Amino acid sequence: EHRSEAFRAKNPDAAVPCLELSDGTCISQ
């Protein structure tokens, strides 16, 4: 699932974890 298009839209690294803030900002690493 981490390699899916939907998840890559949140984290192009295709890796977990990924933090998503209330404004939609996603932070990985």
PDB file of all heavy atoms in Angstrom:
ATOM      1  N   GLU A   1       0.821  -1.214   0.000  1.00  0.00           N
ATOM      2  CA  GLU A   1       0.000   0.000   0.000  1.00  0.00           C
ATOM      3  C   GLU A   1       0.857   1.267   0.000  1.00  0.00           C
ATOM      4  O   GLU A   1       0.459   2.292  -0.573  1.00  0.00           O
ATOM      5  CB  GLU A   1      -0.929   0.001   1.219  1.00  0.00           C
ATOM      6  CG  GLU A   1      -1.878   1.185   1.251  1.00  0.00           C
ATOM      7  CD  GLU A   1      -2.762   1.210   2.489  1.00  0.00           C
ATOM      8  OE1 GLU A   1      -2.705   0.246   3.293  1.00  0.00           O
ATOM      9  OE2 GLU A   1      -3.504   2.204   2.654  1.00  0.00           O
ATOM     10  N   HIS A   2       2.041   1.198   0.620  1.00  0.00           N
ATOM     11  CA  HIS A   2       2.916   2.372   0.688  1.00  0.00           C
ATOM     12  C   HIS A   2       3.442   2.776  -0.687  1.00  0.00           C
ATOM     13  O   HIS A   2       3.933   3.896  -0.859  1.00  0.00           O
ATOM     14  CB  HIS A   2       4.082   2.106   1.635  1.00  0.00           C
ATOM     15  CG  HIS A   2       4.944   0.944   1.239  1.00  0.00           C
ATOM     16  ND1 HIS A   2       4.454  -0.332   1.067  1.00  0.00           N
ATOM     17  CD2 HIS A   2       6.276   0.870   0.976  1.00  0.00           C
ATOM     18  CE1 HIS A   2       5.437  -1.137   0.725  1.00  0.00           C
ATOM     19  NE2 HIS A   2       6.542  -0.443   0.658  1.00  0.00           N
ATOM     20  N   ARG A   3       3.327   1.888  -1.664  1.00  0.00           N
ATOM     21  CA  ARG A   3       3.782   2.189  -3.023  1.00  0.00           C
ATOM     22  C   ARG A   3       2.631   2.589  -3.947  1.00  0.00           C
ATOM     23  O   ARG A   3       2.837   2.812  -5.139  1.00  0.00           O
ATOM     24  CB  ARG A   3       4.517   0.982  -3.602  1.00  0.00           C
ATOM     25  CG  ARG A   3       5.804   0.636  -2.833  1.00  0.00           C
ATOM     26  CD  ARG A   3       6.464  -0.607  -3.390  1.00  0.00           C
ATOM     27  NE  ARG A   3       7.697  -0.919  -2.672  1.00  0.00           N
ATOM     28  CZ  ARG A   3       8.434  -2.007  -2.862  1.00  0.00           C
ATOM     29  NH1 ARG A   3       8.042  -2.901  -3.776  1.00  0.00           N
ATOM     30  NH2 ARG A   3       9.539  -2.217  -2.164  1.00  0.00           N
ATOM     31  N   SER A   4       1.450   2.685  -3.392  1.00  0.00           N
ATOM     32  CA  SER A   4       0.281   3.030  -4.215  1.00  0.00           C
ATOM     33  C   SER A   4       0.315   4.504  -4.610  1.00  0.00           C
ATOM     34  O   SER A   4       0.965   5.335  -3.969  1.00  0.00           O
ATOM     35  CB  SER A   4      -1.012   2.746  -3.436  1.00  0.00           C
ATOM     36  OG  SER A   4      -1.132   3.639  -2.338  1.00  0.00           O
ATOM     37  N   GLU A   5      -0.396   4.823  -5.674  1.00  0.00           N
ATOM     38  CA  GLU A   5      -0.449   6.206  -6.147  1.00  0.00           C
ATOM     39  C   GLU A   5      -1.046   7.125  -5.088  1.00  0.00           C
ATOM     40  O   GLU A   5      -0.587   8.254  -4.884  1.00  0.00           O
ATOM     41  CB  GLU A   5      -1.264   6.273  -7.440  1.00  0.00           C
ATOM     42  CG  GLU A   5      -1.306   7.654  -8.075  1.00  0.00           C
ATOM     43  CD  GLU A   5      -2.043   7.657  -9.405  1.00  0.00           C
ATOM     44  OE1 GLU A   5      -2.243   6.579  -9.985  1.00  0.00           O
ATOM     45  OE2 GLU A   5      -2.424   8.765  -9.849  1.00  0.00           O
ATOM     46  N   ALA A   6      -2.063   6.633  -4.378  1.00  0.00           N
ATOM     47  CA  ALA A   6      -2.725   7.443  -3.361  1.00  0.00           C
ATOM     48  C   ALA A   6      -1.768   7.790  -2.223  1.00  0.00           C
ATOM     49  O   ALA A   6      -1.743   8.933  -1.747  1.00  0.00           O
ATOM     50  CB  ALA A   6      -3.940   6.705  -2.823  1.00  0.00           C
ATOM     51  N   PHE A   7      -0.981   6.800  -1.800  1.00  0.00           N
ATOM     52  CA  PHE A   7      -0.063   7.082  -0.698  1.00  0.00           C
ATOM     53  C   PHE A   7       1.107   7.932  -1.171  1.00  0.00           C
ATOM     54  O   PHE A   7       1.578   8.820  -0.441  1.00  0.00           O
ATOM     55  CB  PHE A   7       0.456   5.782  -0.071  1.00  0.00           C
ATOM     56  CG  PHE A   7       1.251   6.027   1.181  1.00  0.00           C
ATOM     57  CD1 PHE A   7       0.618   6.305   2.379  1.00  0.00           C
ATOM     58  CD2 PHE A   7       2.640   6.014   1.151  1.00  0.00           C
ATOM     59  CE1 PHE A   7       1.354   6.564   3.532  1.00  0.00           C
ATOM     60  CE2 PHE A   7       3.386   6.270   2.299  1.00  0.00           C
ATOM     61  CZ  PHE A   7       2.734   6.542   3.495  1.00  0.00           C
ATOM     62  N   ARG A   8       1.599   7.695  -2.377  1.00  0.00           N
ATOM     63  CA  ARG A   8       2.705   8.499  -2.897  1.00  0.00           C
ATOM     64  C   ARG A   8       2.322   9.976  -3.032  1.00  0.00           C
ATOM     65  O   ARG A   8       3.181  10.845  -3.002  1.00  0.00           O
ATOM     66  CB  ARG A   8       3.160   7.954  -4.256  1.00  0.00           C
ATOM     67  CG  ARG A   8       4.028   6.698  -4.167  1.00  0.00           C
ATOM     68  CD  ARG A   8       4.405   6.226  -5.564  1.00  0.00           C
ATOM     69  NE  ARG A   8       5.214   5.032  -5.551  1.00  0.00           N
ATOM     70  CZ  ARG A   8       6.542   5.016  -5.514  1.00  0.00           C
ATOM     71  NH1 ARG A   8       7.203   6.164  -5.465  1.00  0.00           N
ATOM     72  NH2 ARG A   8       7.216   3.879  -5.516  1.00  0.00           N
ATOM     73  N   ALA A   9       1.041  10.240  -3.173  1.00  0.00           N
ATOM     74  CA  ALA A   9       0.592  11.631  -3.231  1.00  0.00           C
ATOM     75  C   ALA A   9       0.842  12.328  -1.894  1.00  0.00           C
ATOM     76  O   ALA A   9       1.058  13.546  -1.849  1.00  0.00           O
ATOM     77  CB  ALA A   9      -0.883  11.692  -3.593  1.00  0.00           C
ATOM     78  N   LYS A  10       0.836  11.549  -0.814  1.00  0.00           N
ATOM     79  CA  LYS A  10       1.146  12.096   0.506  1.00  0.00           C
ATOM     80  C   LYS A  10       2.644  12.064   0.773  1.00  0.00           C
ATOM     81  O   LYS A  10       3.210  13.003   1.343  1.00  0.00           O
ATOM     82  CB  LYS A  10       0.411  11.307   1.595  1.00  0.00           C
ATOM     83  CG  LYS A  10      -1.108  11.374   1.506  1.00  0.00           C
ATOM     84  CD  LYS A  10      -1.745  10.605   2.644  1.00  0.00           C
ATOM     85  CE  LYS A  10      -3.263  10.609   2.505  1.00  0.00           C
ATOM     86  NZ  LYS A  10      -3.826  11.970   2.614  1.00  0.00           N
ATOM     87  N   ASN A  11       3.293  10.976   0.380  1.00  0.00           N
ATOM     88  CA  ASN A  11       4.729  10.822   0.625  1.00  0.00           C
ATOM     89  C   ASN A  11       5.394  10.208  -0.605  1.00  0.00           C
ATOM     90  O   ASN A  11       5.340   8.993  -0.800  1.00  0.00           O
ATOM     91  CB  ASN A  11       4.977   9.937   1.852  1.00  0.00           C
ATOM     92  CG  ASN A  11       6.459   9.793   2.146  1.00  0.00           C
ATOM     93  OD1 ASN A  11       7.293  10.499   1.578  1.00  0.00           O
ATOM     94  ND2 ASN A  11       6.791   8.881   3.046  1.00  0.00           N
ATOM     95  N   PRO A  12       6.035  11.012  -1.425  1.00  0.00           N
ATOM     96  CA  PRO A  12       6.701  10.504  -2.632  1.00  0.00           C
ATOM     97  C   PRO A  12       7.811   9.501  -2.322  1.00  0.00           C
ATOM     98  O   PRO A  12       8.222   8.750  -3.214  1.00  0.00           O
ATOM     99  CB  PRO A  12       7.289  11.769  -3.272  1.00  0.00           C
ATOM    100  CG  PRO A  12       6.482  12.896  -2.720  1.00  0.00           C
ATOM    101  CD  PRO A  12       6.117  12.486  -1.335  1.00  0.00           C
ATOM    102  N   ASP A  13       8.284   9.473  -1.061  1.00  0.00           N
ATOM    103  CA  ASP A  13       9.301   8.492  -0.679  1.00  0.00           C
ATOM    104  C   ASP A  13       8.753   7.072  -0.662  1.00  0.00           C
ATOM    105  O   ASP A  13       9.520   6.106  -0.611  1.00  0.00           O
ATOM    106  CB  ASP A  13       9.861   8.809   0.715  1.00  0.00           C
ATOM    107  CG  ASP A  13      10.554  10.158   0.776  1.00  0.00           C
ATOM    108  OD1 ASP A  13      11.043  10.621  -0.273  1.00  0.00           O
ATOM    109  OD2 ASP A  13      10.600  10.751   1.872  1.00  0.00           O
ATOM    110  N   ALA A  14       7.432   6.941  -0.660  1.00  0.00           N
ATOM    111  CA  ALA A  14       6.779   5.629  -0.593  1.00  0.00           C
ATOM    112  C   ALA A  14       7.253   4.848   0.621  1.00  0.00           C
ATOM    113  O   ALA A  14       7.648   3.689   0.533  1.00  0.00           O
ATOM    114  CB  ALA A  14       7.014   4.825  -1.872  1.00  0.00           C
ATOM    115  N   ALA A  15       7.216   5.505   1.762  1.00  0.00           N
ATOM    116  CA  ALA A  15       7.685   4.891   3.000  1.00  0.00           C
ATOM    117  C   ALA A  15       6.867   5.414   4.166  1.00  0.00           C
ATOM    118  O   ALA A  15       6.295   6.505   4.122  1.00  0.00           O
ATOM    119  CB  ALA A  15       9.171   5.191   3.215  1.00  0.00           C
ATOM    120  N   VAL A  16       6.796   4.612   5.210  1.00  0.00           N
ATOM    121  CA  VAL A  16       6.173   5.050   6.459  1.00  0.00           C
ATOM    122  C   VAL A  16       7.287   5.275   7.494  1.00  0.00           C
ATOM    123  O   VAL A  16       8.339   4.645   7.414  1.00  0.00           O
ATOM    124  CB  VAL A  16       5.170   3.990   6.978  1.00  0.00           C
ATOM    125  CG1 VAL A  16       3.955   3.945   6.086  1.00  0.00           C
ATOM    126  CG2 VAL A  16       5.810   2.610   7.090  1.00  0.00           C
ATOM    127  N   PRO A  17       7.020   6.213   8.427  1.00  0.00           N
ATOM    128  CA  PRO A  17       5.791   6.938   8.692  1.00  0.00           C
ATOM    129  C   PRO A  17       5.672   8.205   7.852  1.00  0.00           C
ATOM    130  O   PRO A  17       6.639   8.657   7.243  1.00  0.00           O
ATOM    131  CB  PRO A  17       5.927   7.294  10.174  1.00  0.00           C
ATOM    132  CG  PRO A  17       7.406   7.505  10.348  1.00  0.00           C
ATOM    133  CD  PRO A  17       8.049   6.453   9.471  1.00  0.00           C
ATOM    134  N   CYS A  18       4.464   8.754   7.890  1.00  0.00           N
ATOM    135  CA  CYS A  18       4.188  10.044   7.256  1.00  0.00           C
ATOM    136  C   CYS A  18       3.216  10.789   8.163  1.00  0.00           C
ATOM    137  O   CYS A  18       2.211  10.211   8.596  1.00  0.00           O
ATOM    138  CB  CYS A  18       3.597   9.838   5.866  1.00  0.00           C
ATOM    139  SG  CYS A  18       3.128  11.368   5.017  1.00  0.00           S
ATOM    140  N   LEU A  19       3.537  12.031   8.459  1.00  0.00           N
ATOM    141  CA  LEU A  19       2.691  12.866   9.312  1.00  0.00           C
ATOM    142  C   LEU A  19       1.852  13.788   8.441  1.00  0.00           C
ATOM    143  O   LEU A  19       2.377  14.457   7.546  1.00  0.00           O
ATOM    144  CB  LEU A  19       3.569  13.693  10.252  1.00  0.00           C
ATOM    145  CG  LEU A  19       2.886  14.760  11.113  1.00  0.00           C
ATOM    146  CD1 LEU A  19       1.962  14.114  12.140  1.00  0.00           C
ATOM    147  CD2 LEU A  19       3.941  15.623  11.806  1.00  0.00           C
ATOM    148  N   GLU A  20       0.543  13.814   8.685  1.00  0.00           N
ATOM    149  CA  GLU A  20      -0.350  14.704   7.959  1.00  0.00           C
ATOM    150  C   GLU A  20      -0.982  15.680   8.943  1.00  0.00           C
ATOM    151  O   GLU A  20      -1.626  15.263   9.920  1.00  0.00           O
ATOM    152  CB  GLU A  20      -1.433  13.923   7.226  1.00  0.00           C
ATOM    153  CG  GLU A  20      -2.335  14.795   6.372  1.00  0.00           C
ATOM    154  CD  GLU A  20      -3.337  13.989   5.569  1.00  0.00           C
ATOM    155  OE1 GLU A  20      -3.790  12.931   6.056  1.00  0.00           O
ATOM    156  OE2 GLU A  20      -3.668  14.410   4.441  1.00  0.00           O
ATOM    157  N   LEU A  21      -0.796  16.971   8.716  1.00  0.00           N
ATOM    158  CA  LEU A  21      -1.342  17.999   9.587  1.00  0.00           C
ATOM    159  C   LEU A  21      -2.774  18.328   9.199  1.00  0.00           C
ATOM    160  O   LEU A  21      -3.252  17.937   8.132  1.00  0.00           O
ATOM    161  CB  LEU A  21      -0.467  19.247   9.520  1.00  0.00           C
ATOM    162  CG  LEU A  21       1.025  19.042   9.796  1.00  0.00           C
ATOM    163  CD1 LEU A  21       1.759  20.376   9.746  1.00  0.00           C
ATOM    164  CD2 LEU A  21       1.235  18.357  11.142  1.00  0.00           C
ATOM    165  N   SER A  22      -3.460  19.074  10.047  1.00  0.00           N
ATOM    166  CA  SER A  22      -4.869  19.388   9.815  1.00  0.00           C
ATOM    167  C   SER A  22      -5.091  20.227   8.564  1.00  0.00           C
ATOM    168  O   SER A  22      -6.173  20.197   7.977  1.00  0.00           O
ATOM    169  CB  SER A  22      -5.445  20.123  11.026  1.00  0.00           C
ATOM    170  OG  SER A  22      -4.722  21.314  11.284  1.00  0.00           O
ATOM    171  N   ASP A  23      -4.048  20.961   8.126  1.00  0.00           N
ATOM    172  CA  ASP A  23      -4.193  21.767   6.911  1.00  0.00           C
ATOM    173  C   ASP A  23      -3.831  21.004   5.648  1.00  0.00           C
ATOM    174  O   ASP A  23      -3.802  21.564   4.560  1.00  0.00           O
ATOM    175  CB  ASP A  23      -3.348  23.045   7.014  1.00  0.00           C
ATOM    176  CG  ASP A  23      -1.847  22.766   7.042  1.00  0.00           C
ATOM    177  OD1 ASP A  23      -1.440  21.585   7.010  1.00  0.00           O
ATOM    178  OD2 ASP A  23      -1.063  23.740   7.102  1.00  0.00           O
ATOM    179  N   GLY A  24      -3.540  19.690   5.810  1.00  0.00           N
ATOM    180  CA  GLY A  24      -3.217  18.856   4.654  1.00  0.00           C
ATOM    181  C   GLY A  24      -1.740  18.721   4.367  1.00  0.00           C
ATOM    182  O   GLY A  24      -1.342  17.924   3.515  1.00  0.00           O
ATOM    183  N   THR A  25      -0.901  19.491   5.074  1.00  0.00           N
ATOM    184  CA  THR A  25       0.543  19.381   4.886  1.00  0.00           C
ATOM    185  C   THR A  25       1.018  17.999   5.322  1.00  0.00           C
ATOM    186  O   THR A  25       0.640  17.514   6.398  1.00  0.00           O
ATOM    187  CB  THR A  25       1.287  20.451   5.709  1.00  0.00           C
ATOM    188  OG1 THR A  25       0.879  21.740   5.276  1.00  0.00           O
ATOM    189  CG2 THR A  25       2.796  20.315   5.552  1.00  0.00           C
ATOM    190  N   CYS A  26       1.855  17.371   4.507  1.00  0.00           N
ATOM    191  CA  CYS A  26       2.408  16.062   4.838  1.00  0.00           C
ATOM    192  C   CYS A  26       3.911  16.179   5.052  1.00  0.00           C
ATOM    193  O   CYS A  26       4.608  16.820   4.258  1.00  0.00           O
ATOM    194  CB  CYS A  26       2.121  15.052   3.727  1.00  0.00           C
ATOM    195  SG  CYS A  26       0.368  14.601   3.610  1.00  0.00           S
ATOM    196  N   ILE A  27       4.383  15.585   6.134  1.00  0.00           N
ATOM    197  CA  ILE A  27       5.799  15.614   6.477  1.00  0.00           C
ATOM    198  C   ILE A  27       6.287  14.173   6.579  1.00  0.00           C
ATOM    199  O   ILE A  27       5.718  13.372   7.330  1.00  0.00           O
ATOM    200  CB  ILE A  27       6.040  16.344   7.809  1.00  0.00           C
ATOM    201  CG1 ILE A  27       5.505  17.782   7.735  1.00  0.00           C
ATOM    202  CG2 ILE A  27       7.522  16.340   8.169  1.00  0.00           C
ATOM    203  CD1 ILE A  27       5.517  18.508   9.069  1.00  0.00           C
ATOM    204  N   SER A  28       7.315  13.842   5.816  1.00  0.00           N
ATOM    205  CA  SER A  28       7.919  12.520   5.887  1.00  0.00           C
ATOM    206  C   SER A  28       9.336  12.653   6.427  1.00  0.00           C
ATOM    207  O   SER A  28       9.789  13.765   6.718  1.00  0.00           O
ATOM    208  CB  SER A  28       7.917  11.843   4.519  1.00  0.00           C
ATOM    209  OG  SER A  28       8.659  12.619   3.592  1.00  0.00           O
ATOM    210  N   GLN A  29      10.030  11.517   6.557  1.00  0.00           N
ATOM    211  CA  GLN A  29      11.363  11.435   7.140  1.00  0.00           C
ATOM    212  C   GLN A  29      11.269  11.582   8.663  1.00  0.00           C
ATOM    213  O   GLN A  29      10.821  12.614   9.174  1.00  0.00           O
ATOM    214  CB  GLN A  29      12.329  12.469   6.563  1.00  0.00           C
ATOM    215  CG  GLN A  29      12.539  12.373   5.056  1.00  0.00           C
ATOM    216  CD  GLN A  29      13.303  11.117   4.655  1.00  0.00           C
ATOM    217  OE1 GLN A  29      14.077  10.564   5.430  1.00  0.00           O
ATOM    218  NE2 GLN A  29      13.119  10.677   3.414  1.00  0.00           N
TER     219      GLN A  29
END
